[in-house]
N, C-alpha and C. Protein backbone atom coordinates (compact mmCIF):
# COMPACT_ATOMS: atom_id res chain seq x y z
N MET A 1 96.25 84.87 92.93
CA MET A 1 95.63 84.44 94.06
C MET A 1 96.36 83.37 94.66
N MET A 2 96.42 83.39 96.11
CA MET A 2 97.23 82.42 96.71
C MET A 2 96.22 81.25 96.79
N PRO A 3 97.04 79.87 96.73
CA PRO A 3 96.39 78.60 96.80
C PRO A 3 95.69 78.51 98.17
N ALA A 4 94.48 77.98 98.21
CA ALA A 4 93.93 77.68 99.62
C ALA A 4 94.73 77.03 100.53
N GLY A 5 94.75 77.35 101.71
CA GLY A 5 95.44 76.65 102.73
C GLY A 5 96.99 76.88 102.89
N LEU A 6 97.44 77.83 101.92
CA LEU A 6 98.98 78.01 101.97
C LEU A 6 99.35 78.81 103.18
N VAL A 7 98.61 79.84 103.34
CA VAL A 7 98.78 80.73 104.47
C VAL A 7 98.64 79.98 105.85
N GLU A 8 97.71 79.06 105.84
CA GLU A 8 97.53 78.29 107.15
C GLU A 8 98.84 77.27 107.31
N GLU A 9 99.34 76.74 106.14
CA GLU A 9 100.58 75.95 106.18
C GLU A 9 101.82 76.73 106.72
N ILE A 10 101.83 77.89 106.20
CA ILE A 10 102.94 78.74 106.54
C ILE A 10 102.91 79.19 107.98
N LYS A 11 101.71 79.42 108.56
CA LYS A 11 101.66 79.67 110.04
C LYS A 11 102.17 78.59 110.90
N LYS A 12 102.16 77.43 110.40
CA LYS A 12 102.60 76.17 111.22
C LYS A 12 104.29 76.20 111.20
N LEU A 13 104.83 76.94 110.42
CA LEU A 13 106.35 76.93 110.31
C LEU A 13 106.92 77.76 111.47
N THR A 14 108.11 77.58 111.58
CA THR A 14 108.91 78.33 112.51
C THR A 14 109.23 79.61 111.87
N VAL A 15 109.60 80.56 112.72
CA VAL A 15 110.07 81.92 112.05
C VAL A 15 111.47 81.62 111.10
N ALA A 16 112.24 80.76 111.55
CA ALA A 16 113.47 80.60 110.67
C ALA A 16 113.00 80.02 109.32
N GLU A 17 111.99 79.06 109.30
CA GLU A 17 111.55 78.46 108.13
C GLU A 17 110.79 79.53 107.27
N ARG A 18 110.08 80.35 107.93
CA ARG A 18 109.35 81.32 107.07
C ARG A 18 110.29 82.41 106.48
N LEU A 19 111.44 82.82 107.32
CA LEU A 19 112.29 83.72 106.77
C LEU A 19 113.03 82.93 105.37
N THR A 20 113.31 81.68 105.47
CA THR A 20 113.99 81.02 104.44
C THR A 20 112.98 81.02 103.19
N ILE A 21 111.63 80.76 103.32
CA ILE A 21 110.68 80.89 102.29
C ILE A 21 110.74 82.29 101.76
N MET A 22 110.75 83.43 102.78
CA MET A 22 110.75 84.66 102.14
C MET A 22 112.04 84.92 101.24
N GLU A 23 113.24 84.50 101.77
CA GLU A 23 114.35 84.69 101.07
C GLU A 23 114.45 84.06 99.52
N VAL A 24 113.94 82.86 99.63
CA VAL A 24 113.83 81.92 98.43
C VAL A 24 112.92 82.84 97.23
N THR A 25 111.88 83.11 97.90
CA THR A 25 110.79 83.83 97.09
C THR A 25 111.19 85.00 96.68
N LEU A 26 111.98 85.88 97.42
CA LEU A 26 112.48 87.14 97.03
C LEU A 26 113.48 86.90 95.75
N GLN A 27 114.40 86.01 96.02
CA GLN A 27 115.34 85.52 94.91
C GLN A 27 114.60 85.28 93.66
N LEU A 28 113.67 84.41 93.74
CA LEU A 28 112.96 84.20 92.49
C LEU A 28 112.25 85.27 91.87
N VAL A 29 111.70 86.16 92.57
CA VAL A 29 111.30 87.41 92.07
C VAL A 29 112.27 88.35 91.35
N ARG A 30 113.38 88.35 92.02
CA ARG A 30 114.59 89.18 91.45
C ARG A 30 115.00 88.52 90.03
N GLU A 31 115.10 87.12 90.07
CA GLU A 31 115.53 86.59 88.86
C GLU A 31 114.53 86.68 87.71
N ASP A 32 113.11 86.70 88.14
CA ASP A 32 112.02 87.05 87.13
C ASP A 32 112.26 88.31 86.53
N LEU A 33 112.55 89.23 87.46
CA LEU A 33 112.62 90.81 86.97
C LEU A 33 113.74 91.00 86.13
N GLY A 34 114.83 90.31 86.52
CA GLY A 34 116.11 90.25 85.79
C GLY A 34 116.01 89.96 84.22
N GLN A 35 114.96 89.03 84.06
CA GLN A 35 114.73 88.38 82.70
C GLN A 35 113.80 89.47 81.87
N LEU A 36 113.16 90.29 82.61
CA LEU A 36 112.32 91.32 81.96
C LEU A 36 113.13 92.37 81.25
N GLU A 37 112.85 92.60 80.02
CA GLU A 37 113.39 93.61 79.21
C GLU A 37 112.97 95.10 79.76
N PRO A 38 113.88 96.03 79.86
CA PRO A 38 113.39 97.35 80.56
C PRO A 38 112.58 98.00 79.22
N PRO A 39 111.47 98.90 79.64
CA PRO A 39 110.89 99.53 78.66
C PRO A 39 111.73 100.31 77.55
N SER A 40 111.20 100.42 76.60
CA SER A 40 111.92 101.24 75.49
C SER A 40 111.78 102.70 75.86
N ARG A 41 112.71 103.51 75.18
CA ARG A 41 112.77 104.82 75.27
C ARG A 41 111.38 105.43 75.05
N ALA A 42 110.82 105.13 74.05
CA ALA A 42 109.50 105.59 73.49
C ALA A 42 108.55 105.20 74.74
N GLU A 43 108.40 103.94 75.16
CA GLU A 43 107.40 103.67 76.25
C GLU A 43 107.62 104.32 77.54
N ARG A 44 109.08 104.64 78.02
CA ARG A 44 109.10 105.40 79.00
C ARG A 44 108.69 106.83 78.95
N LYS A 45 108.95 107.39 77.71
CA LYS A 45 108.57 108.70 77.47
C LYS A 45 106.90 108.74 77.48
N ARG A 46 106.40 107.73 77.04
CA ARG A 46 104.84 107.71 77.03
C ARG A 46 104.47 107.71 78.38
N ARG A 47 105.05 106.78 79.30
CA ARG A 47 104.52 106.63 80.60
C ARG A 47 104.78 108.03 81.43
N LEU A 48 105.78 108.69 81.22
CA LEU A 48 106.25 109.93 81.86
C LEU A 48 105.13 110.93 81.45
N ILE A 49 104.93 110.96 80.02
CA ILE A 49 103.78 112.02 79.73
C ILE A 49 102.40 111.79 80.34
N ALA A 50 102.01 110.47 80.46
CA ALA A 50 100.99 110.06 80.96
C ALA A 50 100.92 110.43 82.54
N ALA A 51 101.82 110.32 83.20
CA ALA A 51 101.97 110.73 84.72
C ALA A 51 102.02 112.09 84.94
N ALA A 52 102.62 112.84 84.03
CA ALA A 52 102.62 114.43 84.12
C ALA A 52 101.07 114.88 83.88
N GLN A 53 100.39 114.36 82.74
CA GLN A 53 99.14 114.68 82.54
C GLN A 53 98.26 114.36 83.69
N ALA A 54 98.37 113.27 84.33
CA ALA A 54 97.35 112.78 85.40
C ALA A 54 97.58 113.92 86.65
N LEU A 55 98.83 114.45 86.85
CA LEU A 55 99.18 115.18 87.93
C LEU A 55 98.88 116.72 87.66
N LEU A 56 98.68 117.07 86.24
CA LEU A 56 98.48 118.44 85.88
C LEU A 56 97.34 119.21 86.77
N PRO A 57 96.33 118.51 86.88
CA PRO A 57 95.22 119.30 87.75
C PRO A 57 95.57 119.62 89.09
N ASP A 58 96.48 118.95 89.69
CA ASP A 58 96.91 119.26 91.11
C ASP A 58 97.60 120.41 91.10
N TYR A 59 98.50 120.56 89.94
CA TYR A 59 99.48 121.73 90.01
C TYR A 59 98.65 123.01 89.36
N ALA A 60 97.62 122.96 88.75
CA ALA A 60 96.90 124.06 87.99
C ALA A 60 96.34 125.06 89.08
N PRO A 61 96.18 126.17 88.89
CA PRO A 61 95.58 127.28 89.76
C PRO A 61 94.32 126.60 90.31
N GLY A 62 94.00 126.63 91.72
CA GLY A 62 92.97 126.13 92.24
C GLY A 62 93.25 124.56 92.56
N GLY A 63 94.19 123.94 92.27
CA GLY A 63 94.55 122.55 92.33
C GLY A 63 94.87 122.35 93.85
N GLU A 64 94.99 121.01 94.18
CA GLU A 64 95.21 120.53 95.53
C GLU A 64 96.60 121.00 95.99
N LEU A 65 97.57 121.30 95.09
CA LEU A 65 99.05 121.53 95.52
C LEU A 65 99.16 123.16 95.59
N THR A 66 98.30 123.79 95.06
CA THR A 66 98.39 125.21 95.02
C THR A 66 97.61 125.96 96.30
N VAL A 67 96.67 125.24 96.86
CA VAL A 67 95.85 125.73 97.94
C VAL A 67 96.67 126.60 98.98
N PHE A 68 97.80 126.09 99.28
CA PHE A 68 98.76 126.62 100.46
C PHE A 68 99.43 127.95 99.95
N THR A 69 99.43 128.33 98.63
CA THR A 69 100.29 129.31 98.17
C THR A 69 99.46 130.57 98.68
N THR A 70 98.26 130.58 99.11
CA THR A 70 97.51 131.90 99.37
C THR A 70 98.32 132.28 100.80
N LEU A 71 99.00 131.58 101.46
CA LEU A 71 99.73 131.65 102.87
C LEU A 71 101.04 132.36 102.50
N ASP A 72 101.47 132.34 101.24
CA ASP A 72 102.84 133.05 100.92
C ASP A 72 103.02 134.34 101.35
N GLY A 73 102.12 135.23 101.35
CA GLY A 73 102.27 136.58 101.82
C GLY A 73 102.11 136.88 103.25
N GLU A 74 101.63 135.85 104.06
CA GLU A 74 101.58 136.06 105.59
C GLU A 74 102.91 135.82 106.24
N ASP A 75 103.07 136.45 107.22
CA ASP A 75 104.31 136.45 108.17
C ASP A 75 104.29 135.06 108.86
N PHE A 76 105.33 134.31 109.05
CA PHE A 76 105.43 133.15 109.86
C PHE A 76 106.15 133.38 111.17
N HIS A 77 105.52 133.04 112.25
CA HIS A 77 106.08 133.08 113.59
C HIS A 77 106.03 131.70 114.13
N ALA A 78 107.14 131.44 114.62
CA ALA A 78 107.49 130.16 115.46
C ALA A 78 106.75 130.02 116.61
């Protein structure tokens, strides 16, 4: 949550000052992310499996992504 009044204080700054704040903030975030350890191979695999399972209904017959396959047999005219 953003501290109360921070946005109002930022609005008072010039565009150049706002950009400087953004650059410094982005650099701090990059440094923090650089300190994080990447997920282990097992964790990456677990995440990929979970994502695939979450999307499976969309790809199954009758799912959201197969609804347009009924048009496959029709001619297309520009």
